[in-house]
Amino acid sequence: MSGQREFDIVLYGATGFVGKLTAEYLDRRGGDARIALAGRSTDKLLAVRESLGEKAQSWPIISADASQPSTLNAMAAQTQVVVTTVGPYAKYGLPLVAACAAAGTDYADLTGEMLFIRDSIDLYHKQAADTGARIVHSCGFDSVPSDLTVFALYRRAQQDQTGELTDTNMVVRAMSGGLSGGTVASGIEMFSTVSADAEARKAMNDPYTLTPDRAAEPELGGQPDIRWRRGGEVSDALDGYWLAPFVMAGPNSRIVRRSNALLDYAYGRRLEYGELMSVGRSVVAPVAAALATVGNAATTAFASRYFNRIPRSLLERMVPKPGTGPSEQVRDNGHYTVETFTTTTTGAHYRARLSQRGDYGYKATSVLLGECGLALALDRDKLADLHGVLTPAAAIGDALLARFPSAEVSLETTRLD
């Protein structure tokens, strides 16, 4: 396909906040990749290009608009990979997925919207598999750290011949940054749908809502997204800590379970996966964990049923707007560290620790998305022989692990026993 296409990567949505950051990253890390910038406004795209380095000044500009599918079709036919930051994806994403699936073009996005991903699977997985397209959702902070730490643990246990993964939990140990306007807008779209549709609420609560075949999944219980635990219940390395629910556990956990299913349950059919965040080990930590759990549960329950009763104009005044973001200083000073713990079927205990400098919602996310796009375009000999609607681990797991060190994404696995 690479010899038949004009571009290796088209960055769609390059004028948005994360889009600009991704363009800057591709300018630094793209090497000789053939890259183009795409979006609705040619003038704004030209302004973004002018802000980049000398090499990027020759990048072509493509006019494309989600409201005009023919422009998306033409864009997809020109390139090997489309990297998109245009959300909310439930509102704008499916026409581009359709264009890429039809053209046999690989695709990477930043979505954490479970219902959009489910629609993408139902509508376009078979077609993408037939045309050889890889439609890879959730290529940012949602859900690369989750997906790739579990994949790395699987590879480590496979190397050590210590069996399959069982009880596995990601714990956010530290994070500094801000929630992006795009993420908030995606959340608004999702809860608007869920509060109006009982079937959508049911899908949101199913731990296997993104699975390729629901009937084939093992019955391991509800695997709740909202829970609190003592650290020692997860790993001896966390003894004394208290753990509260992590706000993105819902979409992240379902991406991990879909990865396992797409990889023919290589992680193991007894894999149970959850996500939490550390609230420390002080005397008030258990209270903080309990309050966070109750608050998270109450907010989710209310939003799932009554969100549409909140005036949209009020919401838009209260939340950051799409396309906005923090200052360069805040982005540069941000960071996060996650640790994923697992126990294998032979009783071996492991930890995978992933950390990144940069604000998780913007700078770090643009690095992850950029590397996913570059892996799809340039590392095709390292990609899994899978096509259709995929996940980062299932599509580009090994290629991404190989790219992490030079991208200053630290990921190490440690045996704890």
Protein backbone atom coordinates (compact mmCIF):
# COMPACT_ATOMS: atom_id res chain seq x y z
CA MET A 1 0.00 0.00 0.00
CA SER A 2 2.83 2.47 0.85
CA GLY A 3 4.07 2.59 -2.74
CA GLN A 4 0.59 3.39 -4.05
CA ARG A 5 -0.23 6.27 -1.72
CA GLU A 6 0.97 9.86 -1.86
CA PHE A 7 1.40 10.21 1.92
CA ASP A 8 2.49 8.07 4.84
CA ILE A 9 0.44 10.09 7.36
CA VAL A 10 -2.31 12.68 7.10
CA LEU A 11 -2.96 14.50 10.38
CA TYR A 12 -6.66 15.41 10.38
CA GLY A 13 -7.67 18.12 12.83
CA ALA A 14 -4.23 19.73 12.83
CA THR A 15 -5.61 23.16 13.83
CA GLY A 16 -7.08 21.97 17.15
CA PHE A 17 -5.12 22.23 20.40
CA VAL A 18 -3.95 18.60 20.53
CA GLY A 19 -3.76 18.59 16.73
CA LYS A 20 -1.17 21.37 16.78
CA LEU A 21 0.85 19.57 19.45
CA THR A 22 0.73 16.37 17.39
CA ALA A 23 1.87 18.29 14.30
CA GLU A 24 4.81 19.66 16.29
CA TYR A 25 5.69 16.17 17.46
CA LEU A 26 5.51 14.67 13.99
CA ASP A 27 7.73 17.52 12.78
CA ARG A 28 10.36 16.51 15.38
CA ARG A 29 10.03 12.75 15.10
CA GLY A 30 8.69 12.07 11.62
CA GLY A 31 12.04 11.75 9.90
CA ASP A 32 11.50 11.24 6.17
CA ALA A 33 7.83 10.33 6.55
CA ARG A 34 5.57 11.93 3.94
CA ILE A 35 3.12 13.97 6.02
CA ALA A 36 0.19 16.22 5.17
CA LEU A 37 -2.04 18.42 7.36
CA ALA A 38 -5.80 18.28 6.97
CA GLY A 39 -8.84 20.09 8.31
CA ARG A 40 -11.68 22.42 7.42
CA SER A 41 -9.82 25.74 7.19
CA THR A 42 -6.96 26.06 4.72
CA ASP A 43 -5.92 29.39 6.26
CA LYS A 44 -5.66 27.90 9.74
CA LEU A 45 -3.77 24.88 8.41
CA LEU A 46 -1.28 27.18 6.69
CA ALA A 47 -0.81 29.07 9.98
CA VAL A 48 -0.07 25.80 11.80
CA ARG A 49 2.41 24.76 9.11
CA GLU A 50 4.18 28.15 9.33
CA SER A 51 4.68 27.60 13.07
CA LEU A 52 6.57 24.35 12.45
CA GLY A 53 10.16 23.69 11.45
CA GLU A 54 11.79 24.04 8.06
CA LYS A 55 11.14 20.45 7.00
CA ALA A 56 7.41 20.80 7.61
CA GLN A 57 7.09 23.83 5.33
CA SER A 58 6.77 21.45 2.38
CA TRP A 59 3.95 19.42 3.97
CA PRO A 60 0.85 19.61 1.72
CA ILE A 61 -2.46 21.00 2.97
CA ILE A 62 -5.70 19.02 2.47
CA SER A 63 -9.17 20.48 2.89
CA ALA A 64 -11.48 17.90 4.52
CA ASP A 65 -14.68 18.19 6.54
CA ALA A 66 -16.66 15.55 8.47
CA SER A 67 -19.88 17.07 7.11
CA GLN A 68 -18.71 16.31 3.54
CA PRO A 69 -17.91 12.57 3.37
CA SER A 70 -16.56 12.87 -0.17
CA THR A 71 -13.67 14.98 1.16
CA LEU A 72 -12.90 12.32 3.75
CA ASN A 73 -13.00 9.61 1.10
CA ALA A 74 -10.54 11.54 -1.05
CA MET A 75 -8.24 12.16 1.92
CA ALA A 76 -8.26 8.51 3.01
CA ALA A 77 -7.42 7.35 -0.51
CA GLN A 78 -4.28 9.51 -0.58
CA THR A 79 -2.56 8.17 2.52
CA GLN A 80 -1.35 5.07 4.26
CA VAL A 81 -2.48 6.33 7.71
CA VAL A 82 -4.94 8.96 8.96
CA VAL A 83 -4.26 10.30 12.45
CA THR A 84 -7.28 12.21 13.75
CA THR A 85 -7.87 14.51 16.71
CA VAL A 86 -11.34 15.62 15.58
CA GLY A 87 -13.86 14.94 18.33
CA PRO A 88 -16.25 14.37 19.92
CA TYR A 89 -15.88 11.20 17.91
CA ALA A 90 -19.50 10.14 18.40
CA LYS A 91 -20.43 13.36 16.59
CA TYR A 92 -17.72 13.54 13.92
CA GLY A 93 -15.86 10.24 13.83
CA LEU A 94 -17.87 7.60 11.99
CA PRO A 95 -17.68 9.13 8.49
CA LEU A 96 -13.88 9.07 8.71
CA VAL A 97 -13.86 5.48 10.01
CA ALA A 98 -16.10 4.59 7.07
CA ALA A 99 -13.75 6.31 4.61
CA CYS A 100 -10.66 4.55 5.99
CA ALA A 101 -12.37 1.15 6.15
CA ALA A 102 -13.46 1.45 2.53
CA ALA A 103 -10.04 2.62 1.32
CA GLY A 104 -7.98 0.09 3.27
CA THR A 105 -6.32 2.98 5.13
CA ASP A 106 -5.00 2.67 8.66
CA TYR A 107 -6.48 5.05 11.26
CA ALA A 108 -5.57 6.22 14.78
CA ASP A 109 -7.58 8.45 17.12
CA LEU A 110 -7.80 9.67 20.72
CA THR A 111 -11.29 8.52 21.63
CA GLY A 112 -12.34 7.27 25.02
CA GLU A 113 -15.98 7.03 23.91
CA MET A 114 -17.12 3.44 24.39
CA LEU A 115 -20.37 3.76 22.46
CA PHE A 116 -18.59 5.29 19.46
CA ILE A 117 -16.08 2.43 19.47
CA ARG A 118 -18.92 -0.09 19.68
CA ASP A 119 -20.61 1.56 16.68
CA SER A 120 -17.31 1.52 14.82
CA ILE A 121 -16.95 -2.21 15.50
CA ASP A 122 -20.52 -3.06 14.52
CA LEU A 123 -20.51 -1.00 11.33
CA TYR A 124 -16.97 -1.26 9.99
CA HIS A 125 -14.93 -4.06 11.56
CA LYS A 126 -15.71 -6.61 8.86
CA GLN A 127 -15.18 -4.17 6.01
CA ALA A 128 -11.87 -2.95 7.45
CA ALA A 129 -10.71 -6.55 7.92
CA ASP A 130 -11.60 -7.30 4.29
CA THR A 131 -9.78 -4.23 2.90
CA GLY A 132 -6.76 -4.61 5.20
CA ALA A 133 -7.36 -1.44 7.21
CA ARG A 134 -6.34 -1.15 10.85
CA ILE A 135 -8.80 1.11 12.69
CA VAL A 136 -7.02 1.78 15.99
CA HIS A 137 -8.99 3.64 18.63
CA SER A 138 -7.80 5.12 21.95
CA CYS A 139 -4.21 6.01 21.05
CA GLY A 140 -3.63 8.69 23.72
CA PHE A 141 -3.55 8.74 27.51
CA ASP A 142 -6.82 6.89 26.97
CA SER A 143 -5.88 4.04 26.62
CA VAL A 144 -2.21 3.45 25.70
CA PRO A 145 -0.80 3.31 29.27
CA SER A 146 -3.48 0.80 30.28
CA ASP A 147 -3.28 -1.29 27.14
CA LEU A 148 0.50 -1.36 26.76
CA THR A 149 1.37 -2.07 30.40
CA VAL A 150 -0.83 -5.17 30.31
CA PHE A 151 0.65 -6.14 26.93
CA ALA A 152 4.17 -5.70 28.36
CA LEU A 153 3.27 -7.90 31.34
CA TYR A 154 1.97 -10.55 28.98
CA ARG A 155 5.21 -10.44 26.99
CA ARG A 156 7.27 -10.67 30.20
CA ALA A 157 5.32 -13.64 31.58
CA GLN A 158 5.54 -15.30 28.16
CA GLN A 159 9.32 -14.79 28.16
CA ASP A 160 9.64 -16.14 31.72
CA GLN A 161 7.22 -19.01 31.02
CA THR A 162 5.28 -18.22 34.19
CA GLY A 163 1.77 -18.74 32.83
CA GLU A 164 -1.14 -16.51 31.95
CA LEU A 165 -2.31 -13.30 33.62
CA THR A 166 -5.08 -13.41 36.21
CA ASP A 167 -5.86 -10.59 38.70
CA THR A 168 -4.45 -7.46 37.03
CA ASN A 169 -4.84 -3.85 38.15
CA MET A 170 -3.51 -0.56 36.91
CA VAL A 171 -2.86 2.00 39.65
CA VAL A 172 -2.27 5.68 38.89
CA ARG A 173 0.55 6.60 41.27
CA ALA A 174 1.00 10.24 40.24
CA MET A 175 -0.39 12.62 37.66
CA SER A 176 -0.26 16.33 36.96
CA GLY A 177 -2.08 18.08 34.16
CA GLY A 178 -5.52 19.07 33.01
CA LEU A 179 -8.53 17.47 31.41
CA SER A 180 -8.75 18.60 27.81
CA GLY A 181 -11.73 20.44 26.39
CA GLY A 182 -12.08 17.71 23.80
CA THR A 183 -12.27 15.01 26.47
CA VAL A 184 -14.96 16.97 28.32
CA ALA A 185 -16.93 17.46 25.10
CA SER A 186 -16.71 13.73 24.44
CA GLY A 187 -18.03 13.04 27.93
CA ILE A 188 -20.95 15.39 27.37
CA GLU A 189 -21.89 13.63 24.13
CA MET A 190 -21.60 10.20 25.75
CA PHE A 191 -23.77 11.00 28.77
CA SER A 192 -26.31 12.76 26.56
CA THR A 193 -26.73 9.47 24.69
CA VAL A 194 -26.70 7.25 27.76
CA SER A 195 -29.23 9.30 29.71
CA ALA A 196 -31.70 9.01 26.83
CA ASP A 197 -31.19 5.34 25.98
CA ALA A 198 -31.59 2.39 28.35
CA GLU A 199 -29.78 0.05 25.95
CA ALA A 200 -26.81 2.43 25.85
CA ARG A 201 -26.73 2.42 29.68
CA LYS A 202 -26.70 -1.38 29.64
CA ALA A 203 -23.82 -1.39 27.18
CA MET A 204 -21.86 1.08 29.31
CA ASN A 205 -22.19 -1.19 32.34
CA ASP A 206 -21.13 -4.38 30.55
CA PRO A 207 -17.41 -5.05 31.22
CA TYR A 208 -17.20 -6.73 27.80
CA THR A 209 -19.12 -4.17 25.78
CA LEU A 210 -16.24 -3.88 23.26
CA THR A 211 -15.59 -7.59 22.93
CA PRO A 212 -15.60 -9.21 19.46
CA ASP A 213 -17.89 -12.00 20.70
CA ARG A 214 -19.77 -11.45 23.96
CA ALA A 215 -20.86 -15.08 24.22
CA ALA A 216 -17.24 -16.26 24.08
CA GLU A 217 -16.17 -14.25 27.13
CA PRO A 218 -15.59 -16.04 30.45
CA GLU A 219 -17.95 -15.27 33.30
CA LEU A 220 -15.70 -13.62 35.88
CA GLY A 221 -18.26 -11.39 37.57
CA GLY A 222 -19.00 -7.73 37.09
CA GLN A 223 -15.41 -6.44 37.41
CA PRO A 224 -16.77 -3.08 38.65
CA ASP A 225 -15.15 0.14 37.47
CA ILE A 226 -16.08 2.04 40.64
CA ARG A 227 -14.54 0.49 43.74
CA TRP A 228 -11.95 1.18 46.42
CA ARG A 229 -9.35 -1.23 47.76
CA ARG A 230 -6.51 -1.51 50.22
CA GLY A 231 -3.22 -1.39 48.36
CA GLY A 232 -2.11 -4.69 49.85
CA GLU A 233 -5.03 -6.43 48.16
CA VAL A 234 -3.51 -5.49 44.80
CA SER A 235 0.17 -6.04 45.60
CA ASP A 236 2.47 -6.26 48.60
CA ALA A 237 4.34 -3.35 46.99
CA LEU A 238 1.30 -1.17 47.78
CA ASP A 239 0.82 -2.30 51.36
CA GLY A 240 -0.39 0.60 53.49
CA TYR A 241 -1.79 2.59 50.56
CA TRP A 242 -5.45 3.21 49.84
CA LEU A 243 -6.83 3.09 46.34
CA ALA A 244 -9.84 4.93 44.89
CA PRO A 245 -11.59 4.53 41.50
CA PHE A 246 -9.83 5.97 38.47
CA VAL A 247 -12.17 8.13 36.41
CA MET A 248 -11.21 6.56 33.06
CA ALA A 249 -11.43 2.95 34.26
CA GLY A 250 -14.54 2.31 32.17
CA PRO A 251 -13.19 2.83 28.65
CA ASN A 252 -9.64 1.76 29.50
CA SER A 253 -10.65 -1.58 30.99
CA ARG A 254 -12.82 -2.45 28.01
CA ILE A 255 -9.99 -1.67 25.61
CA VAL A 256 -7.73 -4.06 27.56
CA ARG A 257 -10.36 -6.81 27.47
CA ARG A 258 -10.87 -6.28 23.73
CA SER A 259 -7.09 -6.57 23.22
CA ASN A 260 -7.09 -9.90 25.02
CA ALA A 261 -9.96 -11.21 22.89
CA LEU A 262 -8.45 -9.95 19.61
CA LEU A 263 -5.20 -11.70 20.52
CA ASP A 264 -7.13 -14.95 20.99
CA TYR A 265 -7.01 -14.64 24.79
CA ALA A 266 -3.21 -14.69 24.84
CA TYR A 267 -3.25 -12.88 28.20
CA GLY A 268 -5.43 -15.66 29.62
CA ARG A 269 -9.10 -16.49 29.92
CA ARG A 270 -9.00 -15.79 33.66
CA LEU A 271 -7.80 -12.21 33.21
CA GLU A 272 -9.64 -9.84 35.56
CA TYR A 273 -8.72 -6.22 35.04
CA GLY A 274 -9.46 -3.03 36.95
CA GLU A 275 -8.10 0.49 37.41
CA LEU A 276 -7.57 2.56 40.53
CA MET A 277 -5.61 5.56 41.74
CA SER A 278 -3.54 5.94 44.87
CA VAL A 279 -4.79 8.43 47.47
CA GLY A 280 -1.83 7.87 49.78
CA ARG A 281 -1.29 6.16 53.10
CA SER A 282 -2.11 8.87 55.63
CA VAL A 283 -4.76 8.48 58.33
CA VAL A 284 -7.30 10.27 56.13
CA ALA A 285 -6.53 8.16 53.04
CA PRO A 286 -9.27 5.55 53.67
CA VAL A 287 -11.81 8.35 54.09
CA ALA A 288 -10.62 9.96 50.85
CA ALA A 289 -10.89 6.62 49.03
CA ALA A 290 -14.41 6.01 50.34
CA LEU A 291 -15.59 9.53 49.50
CA ALA A 292 -14.10 9.30 46.01
CA THR A 293 -15.89 5.99 45.44
CA VAL A 294 -19.26 7.25 46.66
CA GLY A 295 -18.88 10.52 44.74
CA ASN A 296 -17.86 8.77 41.54
CA ALA A 297 -20.73 6.30 41.79
CA ALA A 298 -23.30 8.99 42.54
CA THR A 299 -22.11 11.26 39.74
CA THR A 300 -22.11 8.42 37.21
CA ALA A 301 -25.57 7.23 38.27
CA PHE A 302 -27.02 10.74 38.08
CA ALA A 303 -25.39 11.55 34.73
CA SER A 304 -26.47 8.24 33.23
CA ARG A 305 -30.13 9.01 33.83
CA TYR A 306 -30.61 12.75 34.19
CA PHE A 307 -27.80 14.37 32.21
CA ASN A 308 -30.12 15.62 29.48
CA ARG A 309 -32.03 17.68 32.03
CA ILE A 310 -29.02 19.95 32.52
CA PRO A 311 -29.21 22.91 30.11
CA ARG A 312 -26.48 22.54 27.46
CA SER A 313 -25.74 26.28 27.68
CA LEU A 314 -24.96 25.91 31.39
CA LEU A 315 -22.61 22.99 30.73
CA GLU A 316 -20.77 24.89 28.02
CA ARG A 317 -20.13 27.79 30.41
CA MET A 318 -18.80 25.46 33.12
CA VAL A 319 -16.36 23.29 31.18
CA PRO A 320 -13.28 23.97 29.03
CA LYS A 321 -14.07 24.43 25.37
CA PRO A 322 -12.77 22.04 22.70
CA GLY A 323 -9.60 23.40 21.13
CA THR A 324 -8.46 25.10 24.33
CA GLY A 325 -5.73 24.03 26.69
CA PRO A 326 -3.15 25.02 29.31
CA SER A 327 -0.04 27.13 28.88
CA GLU A 328 3.22 25.73 27.58
CA GLN A 329 4.67 25.89 31.09
CA VAL A 330 1.83 23.84 32.54
CA ARG A 331 2.14 21.31 29.71
CA ASP A 332 5.89 20.99 30.17
CA ASN A 333 5.64 20.62 33.96
CA GLY A 334 2.98 17.91 33.78
CA HIS A 335 3.71 14.22 34.26
CA TYR A 336 2.16 10.90 35.17
CA THR A 337 3.18 7.47 36.44
CA VAL A 338 1.05 4.35 36.33
CA GLU A 339 1.88 0.91 37.70
CA THR A 340 0.08 -2.24 36.59
CA PHE A 341 0.29 -5.30 38.83
CA THR A 342 -0.53 -8.88 37.89
CA THR A 343 -0.43 -12.39 39.28
CA THR A 344 0.03 -15.26 36.83
CA THR A 345 -1.47 -18.73 36.88
CA THR A 346 1.78 -20.10 38.38
CA GLY A 347 1.71 -17.53 41.20
CA ALA A 348 4.36 -15.18 39.79
CA HIS A 349 3.90 -11.48 40.61
CA TYR A 350 4.88 -8.68 38.24
CA ARG A 351 4.72 -4.91 38.00
CA ALA A 352 4.86 -2.77 34.85
CA ARG A 353 5.66 0.89 35.46
CA LEU A 354 5.01 3.46 32.71
CA SER A 355 5.81 7.14 33.11
CA GLN A 356 5.94 10.17 30.89
CA ARG A 357 6.86 13.80 31.27
CA GLY A 358 4.34 16.32 30.00
CA ASP A 359 0.73 17.10 30.78
CA TYR A 360 -1.19 13.84 30.35
CA GLY A 361 -4.18 15.38 28.56
CA TYR A 362 -2.19 17.32 25.98
CA LYS A 363 1.59 17.01 25.61
CA ALA A 364 1.93 13.37 26.66
CA THR A 365 -1.14 12.41 24.65
CA SER A 366 0.24 14.05 21.50
CA VAL A 367 3.44 11.99 21.89
CA LEU A 368 1.48 8.74 22.22
CA LEU A 369 -0.78 9.52 19.26
CA GLY A 370 2.18 10.58 17.15
CA GLU A 371 4.07 7.39 17.91
CA CYS A 372 1.01 5.25 17.13
CA GLY A 373 0.70 6.95 13.75
CA LEU A 374 4.41 6.57 13.01
CA ALA A 375 4.34 2.90 14.01
CA LEU A 376 1.42 2.22 11.67
CA ALA A 377 3.12 4.05 8.82
CA LEU A 378 6.78 3.11 9.21
CA ASP A 379 7.01 -0.11 11.25
CA ARG A 380 4.74 -2.34 9.24
CA ASP A 381 7.05 -5.33 9.59
CA LYS A 382 6.50 -5.19 13.37
CA LEU A 383 2.70 -4.94 13.26
CA ALA A 384 0.39 -7.78 14.17
CA ASP A 385 -1.25 -9.61 11.28
CA LEU A 386 -4.66 -8.32 12.34
CA HIS A 387 -7.03 -5.98 10.54
CA GLY A 388 -10.37 -4.43 11.36
CA VAL A 389 -11.33 -2.30 14.36
CA LEU A 390 -8.44 -2.89 16.77
CA THR A 391 -6.74 -1.61 19.91
CA PRO A 392 -3.22 -0.19 20.37
CA ALA A 393 -1.88 -3.41 21.91
CA ALA A 394 -3.52 -5.74 19.39
CA ALA A 395 -2.49 -3.69 16.35
CA ILE A 396 0.88 -2.18 17.21
CA GLY A 397 1.91 -3.51 20.63
CA ASP A 398 5.42 -4.72 19.82
CA ALA A 399 6.15 -1.78 17.50
CA LEU A 400 5.02 0.69 20.15
CA LEU A 401 7.12 -0.95 22.88
CA ALA A 402 10.14 -0.63 20.60
CA ARG A 403 9.40 3.05 19.98
CA PHE A 404 8.87 4.07 23.60
CA PRO A 405 12.51 4.60 24.68
CA SER A 406 13.35 7.08 21.92
CA ALA A 407 10.02 8.84 22.56
CA GLU A 408 10.97 9.28 26.25
CA VAL A 409 8.15 7.02 27.39
CA SER A 410 9.54 4.89 30.20
CA LEU A 411 8.11 1.38 30.52
CA GLU A 412 9.76 -1.35 32.57
CA THR A 413 8.54 -4.68 33.90
CA THR A 414 9.73 -6.15 37.20
CA ARG A 415 9.17 -9.52 38.79
CA LEU A 416 8.21 -8.93 42.42
CA ASP A 417 8.67 -12.38 43.96
